[in-house]
N, C-alpha and C. Protein backbone atom coordinates (compact mmCIF):
# COMPACT_ATOMS: atom_id res chain seq x y z
N MET A 1 -27.68 5.90 -10.33
CA MET A 1 -26.37 6.45 -10.03
C MET A 1 -25.33 5.34 -10.02
N SER A 2 -24.30 5.49 -10.81
CA SER A 2 -23.26 4.49 -10.92
C SER A 2 -22.02 4.97 -10.17
N THR A 3 -21.46 4.09 -9.39
CA THR A 3 -20.24 4.46 -8.64
C THR A 3 -19.02 3.86 -9.32
N ALA A 4 -17.87 4.34 -8.91
CA ALA A 4 -16.61 3.85 -9.49
C ALA A 4 -16.40 2.38 -9.15
N THR A 5 -16.89 1.96 -8.00
CA THR A 5 -16.72 0.57 -7.59
C THR A 5 -17.51 -0.37 -8.48
N GLU A 6 -18.72 0.05 -8.85
CA GLU A 6 -19.55 -0.80 -9.69
C GLU A 6 -19.00 -0.92 -11.11
N THR A 7 -18.46 0.16 -11.64
CA THR A 7 -18.00 0.13 -13.03
C THR A 7 -16.66 -0.56 -13.20
N THR A 8 -15.78 -0.41 -12.24
CA THR A 8 -14.45 -1.02 -12.39
C THR A 8 -14.35 -2.38 -11.74
N GLY A 9 -15.19 -2.66 -10.78
CA GLY A 9 -15.11 -3.94 -10.10
C GLY A 9 -14.01 -3.99 -9.05
N LEU A 10 -13.36 -2.86 -8.81
CA LEU A 10 -12.29 -2.81 -7.81
C LEU A 10 -12.81 -2.24 -6.51
N LYS A 11 -12.22 -2.69 -5.44
CA LYS A 11 -12.60 -2.17 -4.13
C LYS A 11 -12.00 -0.78 -3.97
N LYS A 12 -12.82 0.16 -3.59
CA LYS A 12 -12.34 1.52 -3.41
C LYS A 12 -11.52 1.59 -2.12
N LEU A 13 -10.35 2.18 -2.20
CA LEU A 13 -9.46 2.22 -1.05
C LEU A 13 -9.72 3.40 -0.13
N ALA A 14 -10.52 4.33 -0.53
CA ALA A 14 -10.91 5.47 0.30
C ALA A 14 -9.71 6.16 0.93
N GLY A 15 -8.73 6.51 0.09
CA GLY A 15 -7.60 7.27 0.60
C GLY A 15 -6.49 6.46 1.23
N ARG A 16 -6.62 5.16 1.22
CA ARG A 16 -5.57 4.32 1.82
C ARG A 16 -4.51 3.99 0.78
N THR A 17 -3.29 3.83 1.24
CA THR A 17 -2.17 3.54 0.36
C THR A 17 -2.13 2.05 0.03
N TYR A 18 -1.89 1.75 -1.25
CA TYR A 18 -1.77 0.37 -1.68
C TYR A 18 -0.43 -0.19 -1.22
N SER A 19 -0.43 -1.40 -0.70
CA SER A 19 0.81 -2.05 -0.28
C SER A 19 0.79 -3.48 -0.81
N ALA A 20 1.74 -3.79 -1.66
CA ALA A 20 1.80 -5.11 -2.28
C ALA A 20 2.29 -6.15 -1.27
N THR A 21 1.75 -7.35 -1.38
CA THR A 21 2.24 -8.46 -0.55
C THR A 21 3.32 -9.19 -1.32
N LYS A 22 4.01 -10.08 -0.63
CA LYS A 22 5.09 -10.83 -1.26
C LYS A 22 4.55 -11.70 -2.40
N GLU A 23 3.38 -12.28 -2.22
CA GLU A 23 2.78 -13.14 -3.24
C GLU A 23 2.37 -12.33 -4.47
N GLN A 24 1.80 -11.14 -4.26
CA GLN A 24 1.41 -10.29 -5.38
C GLN A 24 2.62 -9.83 -6.17
N ALA A 25 3.71 -9.51 -5.45
CA ALA A 25 4.94 -9.06 -6.12
C ALA A 25 5.55 -10.18 -6.94
N ALA A 26 5.57 -11.40 -6.39
CA ALA A 26 6.15 -12.53 -7.11
C ALA A 26 5.33 -12.90 -8.34
N ALA A 27 4.02 -12.69 -8.28
CA ALA A 27 3.15 -13.06 -9.40
C ALA A 27 3.31 -12.11 -10.59
N SER A 28 3.73 -10.87 -10.32
CA SER A 28 3.80 -9.89 -11.40
C SER A 28 5.23 -9.63 -11.89
N ARG A 29 6.15 -10.53 -11.61
CA ARG A 29 7.54 -10.34 -12.04
C ARG A 29 7.71 -10.60 -13.52
N GLY A 30 8.49 -9.75 -14.15
CA GLY A 30 8.81 -9.92 -15.57
C GLY A 30 10.31 -10.06 -15.76
N TRP A 31 10.72 -10.24 -16.99
CA TRP A 31 12.12 -10.37 -17.34
C TRP A 31 12.46 -9.34 -18.39
N PHE A 32 13.59 -8.67 -18.21
CA PHE A 32 14.07 -7.67 -19.16
C PHE A 32 15.50 -8.00 -19.55
N VAL A 33 15.86 -7.70 -20.79
CA VAL A 33 17.23 -7.90 -21.26
C VAL A 33 17.77 -6.55 -21.73
N VAL A 34 19.03 -6.28 -21.36
CA VAL A 34 19.69 -5.01 -21.69
C VAL A 34 21.00 -5.32 -22.39
N ASP A 35 21.24 -4.65 -23.50
CA ASP A 35 22.53 -4.77 -24.18
C ASP A 35 23.40 -3.61 -23.70
N ALA A 36 24.54 -3.93 -23.07
CA ALA A 36 25.41 -2.91 -22.47
C ALA A 36 26.39 -2.31 -23.46
N THR A 37 26.33 -2.68 -24.71
CA THR A 37 27.28 -2.18 -25.70
C THR A 37 27.22 -0.67 -25.82
N ASP A 38 28.35 -0.01 -25.56
CA ASP A 38 28.53 1.44 -25.68
C ASP A 38 27.55 2.25 -24.84
N LYS A 39 27.10 1.71 -23.71
CA LYS A 39 26.26 2.44 -22.77
C LYS A 39 27.13 2.91 -21.60
N PRO A 40 26.97 4.14 -21.12
CA PRO A 40 27.74 4.60 -19.96
C PRO A 40 27.40 3.77 -18.72
N LEU A 41 28.42 3.39 -17.98
CA LEU A 41 28.25 2.46 -16.86
C LEU A 41 27.28 2.98 -15.81
N GLY A 42 27.41 4.22 -15.39
CA GLY A 42 26.57 4.74 -14.32
C GLY A 42 25.11 4.88 -14.73
N ARG A 43 24.86 5.36 -15.93
CA ARG A 43 23.48 5.51 -16.40
C ARG A 43 22.81 4.15 -16.58
N LEU A 44 23.58 3.20 -17.08
CA LEU A 44 23.06 1.84 -17.24
C LEU A 44 22.73 1.23 -15.88
N ALA A 45 23.65 1.40 -14.93
CA ALA A 45 23.46 0.82 -13.60
C ALA A 45 22.27 1.43 -12.88
N SER A 46 22.05 2.73 -13.02
CA SER A 46 20.92 3.35 -12.33
C SER A 46 19.59 2.89 -12.91
N GLU A 47 19.53 2.68 -14.22
CA GLU A 47 18.30 2.19 -14.83
C GLU A 47 18.03 0.73 -14.42
N ILE A 48 19.08 -0.07 -14.35
CA ILE A 48 18.94 -1.46 -13.92
C ILE A 48 18.48 -1.52 -12.47
N ALA A 49 19.07 -0.70 -11.61
CA ALA A 49 18.68 -0.68 -10.19
C ALA A 49 17.23 -0.25 -10.02
N ARG A 50 16.77 0.68 -10.85
CA ARG A 50 15.37 1.12 -10.79
C ARG A 50 14.42 -0.02 -11.11
N VAL A 51 14.77 -0.82 -12.11
CA VAL A 51 13.91 -1.95 -12.50
C VAL A 51 13.98 -3.06 -11.46
N LEU A 52 15.18 -3.32 -10.91
CA LEU A 52 15.32 -4.35 -9.88
C LEU A 52 14.52 -4.01 -8.62
N ARG A 53 14.44 -2.73 -8.28
CA ARG A 53 13.68 -2.30 -7.10
C ARG A 53 12.18 -2.28 -7.37
N GLY A 54 11.78 -2.13 -8.63
CA GLY A 54 10.36 -2.11 -8.97
C GLY A 54 9.79 -0.71 -9.03
N LYS A 55 10.64 0.30 -9.08
CA LYS A 55 10.16 1.68 -9.09
C LYS A 55 9.48 2.07 -10.40
N HIS A 56 9.60 1.24 -11.42
CA HIS A 56 8.93 1.53 -12.69
C HIS A 56 7.49 1.05 -12.70
N LYS A 57 7.05 0.40 -11.64
CA LYS A 57 5.70 -0.15 -11.57
C LYS A 57 4.81 0.70 -10.67
N PRO A 58 3.52 0.76 -10.97
CA PRO A 58 2.61 1.49 -10.07
C PRO A 58 2.38 0.76 -8.75
N THR A 59 2.75 -0.51 -8.68
CA THR A 59 2.56 -1.29 -7.45
C THR A 59 3.81 -1.28 -6.57
N TYR A 60 4.72 -0.34 -6.78
CA TYR A 60 5.96 -0.27 -6.00
C TYR A 60 5.64 -0.13 -4.51
N THR A 61 6.27 -0.98 -3.73
CA THR A 61 6.15 -0.94 -2.28
C THR A 61 7.57 -0.96 -1.71
N PRO A 62 7.95 0.03 -0.91
CA PRO A 62 9.34 0.13 -0.46
C PRO A 62 9.82 -1.06 0.37
N ASN A 63 8.93 -1.69 1.13
CA ASN A 63 9.38 -2.77 2.01
C ASN A 63 9.18 -4.16 1.41
N GLN A 64 8.88 -4.24 0.12
CA GLN A 64 8.73 -5.52 -0.58
C GLN A 64 9.59 -5.51 -1.84
N ASP A 65 9.99 -6.69 -2.26
CA ASP A 65 10.75 -6.83 -3.50
C ASP A 65 9.76 -6.95 -4.65
N THR A 66 9.38 -5.81 -5.22
CA THR A 66 8.38 -5.79 -6.31
C THR A 66 9.03 -5.69 -7.68
N GLY A 67 10.35 -5.77 -7.76
CA GLY A 67 11.06 -5.57 -9.01
C GLY A 67 11.06 -6.77 -9.92
N ASP A 68 11.65 -6.57 -11.09
CA ASP A 68 11.72 -7.59 -12.13
C ASP A 68 13.14 -8.12 -12.27
N PHE A 69 13.27 -9.21 -13.00
CA PHE A 69 14.59 -9.76 -13.31
C PHE A 69 15.20 -8.97 -14.45
N VAL A 70 16.53 -8.79 -14.41
CA VAL A 70 17.23 -8.06 -15.46
C VAL A 70 18.41 -8.89 -15.93
N ILE A 71 18.51 -9.08 -17.25
CA ILE A 71 19.63 -9.79 -17.87
C ILE A 71 20.45 -8.76 -18.62
N VAL A 72 21.75 -8.70 -18.35
CA VAL A 72 22.64 -7.78 -19.04
C VAL A 72 23.56 -8.60 -19.92
N VAL A 73 23.60 -8.29 -21.21
CA VAL A 73 24.49 -9.00 -22.14
C VAL A 73 25.55 -8.02 -22.65
N ASN A 74 26.65 -8.55 -23.15
CA ASN A 74 27.78 -7.76 -23.65
C ASN A 74 28.33 -6.83 -22.58
N SER A 75 28.52 -7.35 -21.38
CA SER A 75 28.96 -6.50 -20.27
C SER A 75 30.37 -5.98 -20.46
N GLY A 76 31.21 -6.66 -21.21
CA GLY A 76 32.57 -6.20 -21.44
C GLY A 76 32.66 -5.01 -22.37
N LYS A 77 31.56 -4.67 -23.05
CA LYS A 77 31.57 -3.56 -24.00
C LYS A 77 30.96 -2.28 -23.40
N VAL A 78 30.79 -2.26 -22.08
CA VAL A 78 30.25 -1.08 -21.42
C VAL A 78 31.25 0.06 -21.55
N LYS A 79 30.74 1.30 -21.58
CA LYS A 79 31.60 2.45 -21.82
C LYS A 79 31.81 3.23 -20.53
N LEU A 80 33.04 3.64 -20.30
CA LEU A 80 33.35 4.59 -19.24
C LEU A 80 33.82 5.86 -19.93
N THR A 81 33.23 6.97 -19.58
CA THR A 81 33.54 8.22 -20.26
C THR A 81 34.84 8.81 -19.74
N GLY A 82 35.42 9.70 -20.53
CA GLY A 82 36.66 10.37 -20.13
C GLY A 82 37.82 9.39 -20.04
N ASN A 83 38.69 9.61 -19.08
CA ASN A 83 39.85 8.75 -18.86
C ASN A 83 39.62 7.75 -17.75
N LYS A 84 38.37 7.42 -17.46
CA LYS A 84 38.07 6.55 -16.32
C LYS A 84 38.63 5.14 -16.47
N LEU A 85 38.80 4.67 -17.70
CA LEU A 85 39.35 3.33 -17.87
C LEU A 85 40.72 3.20 -17.21
N ASP A 86 41.52 4.25 -17.24
CA ASP A 86 42.86 4.19 -16.65
C ASP A 86 42.96 4.89 -15.30
N LYS A 87 42.10 5.88 -15.05
CA LYS A 87 42.22 6.66 -13.82
C LYS A 87 41.28 6.20 -12.71
N LYS A 88 40.28 5.40 -13.02
CA LYS A 88 39.36 4.88 -12.00
C LYS A 88 39.88 3.53 -11.56
N PHE A 89 39.92 3.32 -10.25
CA PHE A 89 40.48 2.09 -9.71
C PHE A 89 39.46 1.34 -8.87
N TYR A 90 39.61 0.03 -8.85
CA TYR A 90 38.83 -0.84 -7.97
C TYR A 90 39.78 -1.24 -6.84
N TYR A 91 39.37 -0.97 -5.60
CA TYR A 91 40.21 -1.23 -4.45
C TYR A 91 39.66 -2.39 -3.64
N ARG A 92 40.58 -3.17 -3.07
CA ARG A 92 40.17 -4.23 -2.14
C ARG A 92 41.30 -4.45 -1.14
N HIS A 93 40.95 -5.01 0.00
CA HIS A 93 41.92 -5.27 1.05
C HIS A 93 41.62 -6.63 1.65
N SER A 94 42.67 -7.44 1.80
CA SER A 94 42.48 -8.79 2.31
C SER A 94 42.30 -8.82 3.82
N GLY A 95 42.66 -7.74 4.50
CA GLY A 95 42.53 -7.70 5.95
C GLY A 95 43.85 -7.93 6.67
N ILE A 96 44.88 -8.34 5.97
CA ILE A 96 46.18 -8.54 6.59
C ILE A 96 47.09 -7.36 6.21
N PRO A 97 48.10 -7.08 7.01
CA PRO A 97 49.00 -5.97 6.65
C PRO A 97 49.63 -6.20 5.29
N GLY A 98 49.62 -5.17 4.46
CA GLY A 98 50.16 -5.27 3.12
C GLY A 98 49.20 -5.89 2.12
N GLY A 99 47.95 -6.09 2.51
CA GLY A 99 46.98 -6.76 1.66
C GLY A 99 46.14 -5.83 0.81
N PHE A 100 46.51 -4.55 0.71
CA PHE A 100 45.76 -3.60 -0.09
C PHE A 100 46.10 -3.78 -1.57
N ARG A 101 45.07 -3.86 -2.41
CA ARG A 101 45.28 -4.03 -3.85
C ARG A 101 44.44 -2.99 -4.60
N ALA A 102 44.99 -2.47 -5.66
CA ALA A 102 44.27 -1.53 -6.53
C ALA A 102 44.42 -2.02 -7.96
N GLU A 103 43.33 -1.93 -8.71
CA GLU A 103 43.33 -2.41 -10.09
C GLU A 103 42.57 -1.41 -10.95
N ALA A 104 43.15 -1.00 -12.06
CA ALA A 104 42.48 -0.08 -12.97
C ALA A 104 41.29 -0.78 -13.62
N TYR A 105 40.27 0.01 -13.94
CA TYR A 105 39.06 -0.58 -14.53
C TYR A 105 39.34 -1.21 -15.89
N ARG A 106 40.35 -0.74 -16.61
CA ARG A 106 40.71 -1.37 -17.89
C ARG A 106 41.13 -2.82 -17.65
N ASP A 107 41.96 -3.04 -16.62
CA ASP A 107 42.40 -4.40 -16.30
C ASP A 107 41.26 -5.24 -15.74
N LEU A 108 40.40 -4.60 -14.94
CA LEU A 108 39.26 -5.30 -14.35
C LEU A 108 38.29 -5.76 -15.44
N LEU A 109 38.05 -4.92 -16.45
CA LEU A 109 37.16 -5.32 -17.55
C LEU A 109 37.75 -6.47 -18.35
N ASP A 110 39.07 -6.53 -18.47
CA ASP A 110 39.69 -7.66 -19.16
C ASP A 110 39.58 -8.94 -18.35
N ARG A 111 39.77 -8.82 -17.03
CA ARG A 111 39.79 -10.00 -16.16
C ARG A 111 38.39 -10.50 -15.81
N LYS A 112 37.50 -9.61 -15.39
CA LYS A 112 36.13 -9.97 -14.99
C LYS A 112 35.17 -8.96 -15.61
N PRO A 113 34.74 -9.13 -16.84
CA PRO A 113 33.92 -8.10 -17.50
C PRO A 113 32.55 -7.90 -16.86
N GLU A 114 32.05 -8.86 -16.10
CA GLU A 114 30.74 -8.72 -15.46
C GLU A 114 30.80 -7.87 -14.20
N PHE A 115 31.96 -7.84 -13.54
CA PHE A 115 32.07 -7.26 -12.21
C PHE A 115 31.77 -5.77 -12.12
N PRO A 116 32.26 -4.91 -13.02
CA PRO A 116 31.95 -3.47 -12.87
C PRO A 116 30.45 -3.16 -12.89
N ILE A 117 29.68 -3.85 -13.71
CA ILE A 117 28.24 -3.62 -13.73
C ILE A 117 27.61 -4.12 -12.44
N GLU A 118 28.02 -5.30 -11.98
CA GLU A 118 27.49 -5.83 -10.74
C GLU A 118 27.79 -4.91 -9.57
N LYS A 119 29.02 -4.41 -9.50
CA LYS A 119 29.42 -3.53 -8.40
C LYS A 119 28.65 -2.21 -8.42
N ALA A 120 28.47 -1.63 -9.61
CA ALA A 120 27.76 -0.37 -9.73
C ALA A 120 26.29 -0.52 -9.34
N VAL A 121 25.65 -1.60 -9.78
CA VAL A 121 24.24 -1.82 -9.46
C VAL A 121 24.08 -2.13 -7.98
N LYS A 122 24.95 -2.94 -7.42
CA LYS A 122 24.86 -3.31 -6.01
C LYS A 122 24.98 -2.08 -5.12
N GLY A 123 25.81 -1.12 -5.53
CA GLY A 123 25.95 0.10 -4.75
C GLY A 123 24.72 0.99 -4.79
N MET A 124 23.83 0.77 -5.74
CA MET A 124 22.61 1.58 -5.87
C MET A 124 21.39 0.93 -5.25
N LEU A 125 21.55 -0.26 -4.69
CA LEU A 125 20.44 -0.97 -4.05
C LEU A 125 20.52 -0.78 -2.54
N PRO A 126 19.43 -1.04 -1.81
CA PRO A 126 19.46 -0.91 -0.35
C PRO A 126 20.50 -1.85 0.27
N LYS A 127 21.09 -1.40 1.36
CA LYS A 127 22.13 -2.19 2.04
C LYS A 127 21.49 -3.01 3.16
N ASN A 128 20.68 -3.98 2.80
CA ASN A 128 20.03 -4.84 3.79
C ASN A 128 19.60 -6.14 3.11
N VAL A 129 18.83 -6.95 3.80
CA VAL A 129 18.40 -8.24 3.26
C VAL A 129 17.59 -8.05 1.99
N LEU A 130 16.76 -7.02 1.97
CA LEU A 130 15.94 -6.75 0.78
C LEU A 130 16.81 -6.41 -0.42
N GLY A 131 17.86 -5.63 -0.21
CA GLY A 131 18.77 -5.28 -1.30
C GLY A 131 19.50 -6.50 -1.84
N ARG A 132 19.90 -7.41 -0.97
CA ARG A 132 20.58 -8.63 -1.42
C ARG A 132 19.62 -9.52 -2.20
N GLU A 133 18.35 -9.52 -1.80
CA GLU A 133 17.34 -10.28 -2.54
C GLU A 133 17.13 -9.68 -3.93
N MET A 134 17.11 -8.37 -4.02
CA MET A 134 16.96 -7.69 -5.31
C MET A 134 18.17 -7.96 -6.21
N PHE A 135 19.37 -7.94 -5.62
CA PHE A 135 20.59 -8.16 -6.40
C PHE A 135 20.62 -9.57 -6.99
N GLY A 136 19.95 -10.52 -6.35
CA GLY A 136 19.90 -11.89 -6.86
C GLY A 136 19.13 -12.02 -8.16
N LYS A 137 18.34 -10.99 -8.51
CA LYS A 137 17.57 -11.02 -9.76
C LYS A 137 18.34 -10.42 -10.93
N LEU A 138 19.61 -10.04 -10.70
CA LEU A 138 20.44 -9.50 -11.77
C LEU A 138 21.30 -10.61 -12.35
N LYS A 139 21.26 -10.77 -13.66
CA LYS A 139 22.06 -11.78 -14.37
C LYS A 139 22.92 -11.05 -15.40
N VAL A 140 24.24 -11.15 -15.27
CA VAL A 140 25.15 -10.42 -16.14
C VAL A 140 26.00 -11.42 -16.93
N TYR A 141 26.08 -11.22 -18.25
CA TYR A 141 26.85 -12.10 -19.13
C TYR A 141 27.73 -11.26 -20.05
N ASN A 142 28.91 -11.78 -20.35
CA ASN A 142 29.86 -11.08 -21.20
C ASN A 142 29.53 -11.26 -22.69
N THR A 143 28.82 -12.30 -23.02
CA THR A 143 28.50 -12.61 -24.41
C THR A 143 27.08 -12.14 -24.74
N PRO A 144 26.72 -12.09 -26.02
CA PRO A 144 25.34 -11.72 -26.36
C PRO A 144 24.33 -12.85 -26.10
N ASP A 145 24.81 -14.02 -25.74
CA ASP A 145 23.92 -15.16 -25.46
C ASP A 145 23.67 -15.27 -23.96
N HIS A 146 22.46 -15.76 -23.63
CA HIS A 146 22.12 -16.00 -22.23
C HIS A 146 21.18 -17.20 -22.16
N PRO A 147 21.18 -17.92 -21.02
CA PRO A 147 20.36 -19.13 -20.91
C PRO A 147 18.92 -18.87 -20.45
N HIS A 148 18.41 -17.64 -20.57
CA HIS A 148 17.08 -17.31 -20.06
C HIS A 148 16.07 -17.04 -21.16
N ALA A 149 16.25 -17.65 -22.32
CA ALA A 149 15.33 -17.43 -23.43
C ALA A 149 13.93 -17.96 -23.13
N ALA A 150 13.83 -18.99 -22.28
CA ALA A 150 12.53 -19.58 -21.95
C ALA A 150 11.63 -18.60 -21.19
N GLN A 151 12.22 -17.61 -20.53
CA GLN A 151 11.44 -16.62 -19.78
C GLN A 151 10.89 -15.51 -20.67
N LYS A 152 11.26 -15.51 -21.95
CA LYS A 152 10.81 -14.52 -22.92
C LYS A 152 11.04 -13.09 -22.43
N PRO A 153 12.32 -12.71 -22.25
CA PRO A 153 12.59 -11.36 -21.75
C PRO A 153 12.28 -10.28 -22.78
N GLN A 154 11.82 -9.13 -22.30
CA GLN A 154 11.55 -7.99 -23.16
C GLN A 154 12.79 -7.10 -23.17
N ALA A 155 12.98 -6.36 -24.24
CA ALA A 155 14.11 -5.44 -24.33
C ALA A 155 13.83 -4.22 -23.45
N LEU A 156 14.84 -3.84 -22.69
CA LEU A 156 14.74 -2.66 -21.82
C LEU A 156 15.53 -1.54 -22.46
N THR A 157 14.89 -0.42 -22.71
CA THR A 157 15.59 0.71 -23.32
C THR A 157 16.15 1.59 -22.22
N VAL A 158 17.43 1.92 -22.36
CA VAL A 158 18.10 2.78 -21.39
C VAL A 158 18.19 4.17 -21.98
N LYS A 159 17.64 5.14 -21.27
CA LYS A 159 17.69 6.53 -21.75
C LYS A 159 19.05 7.12 -21.43
N LEU A 160 19.71 7.66 -22.45
CA LEU A 160 21.04 8.22 -22.24
C LEU A 160 21.00 9.71 -22.09
């Protein structure tokens, strides 16, 4: 009689949930590259956040950073549908009276083309230390070139 443990060589968990450790998560990290050209901002950001969190892996553990690194190129060519380029605004306040500022996304893309993608992805990650750690694995560039060729990133397909 052959058991599953003998044939696979894996320890049977007997109904227990797998939980990745920090060392296991760091050992299995990969690199992905995404071209943002003509991709809708929200759909792109949600796919990037999913990969940064590690939800695409069977070893996903909610309390560990099991995600991969993501490189986004051509961030200035991201698409906003409808009239959002002119009607969607980025708001900030300096904290002093009269310090409220609003900027249309068209102007924001001209001034800081990386920022809209970073802001959208950051809003989809957990709001704690773990989320800030995940956000550190996001690299956004306005040009098609990036300095991470040595990591041999794989292309990430975004479903539209």
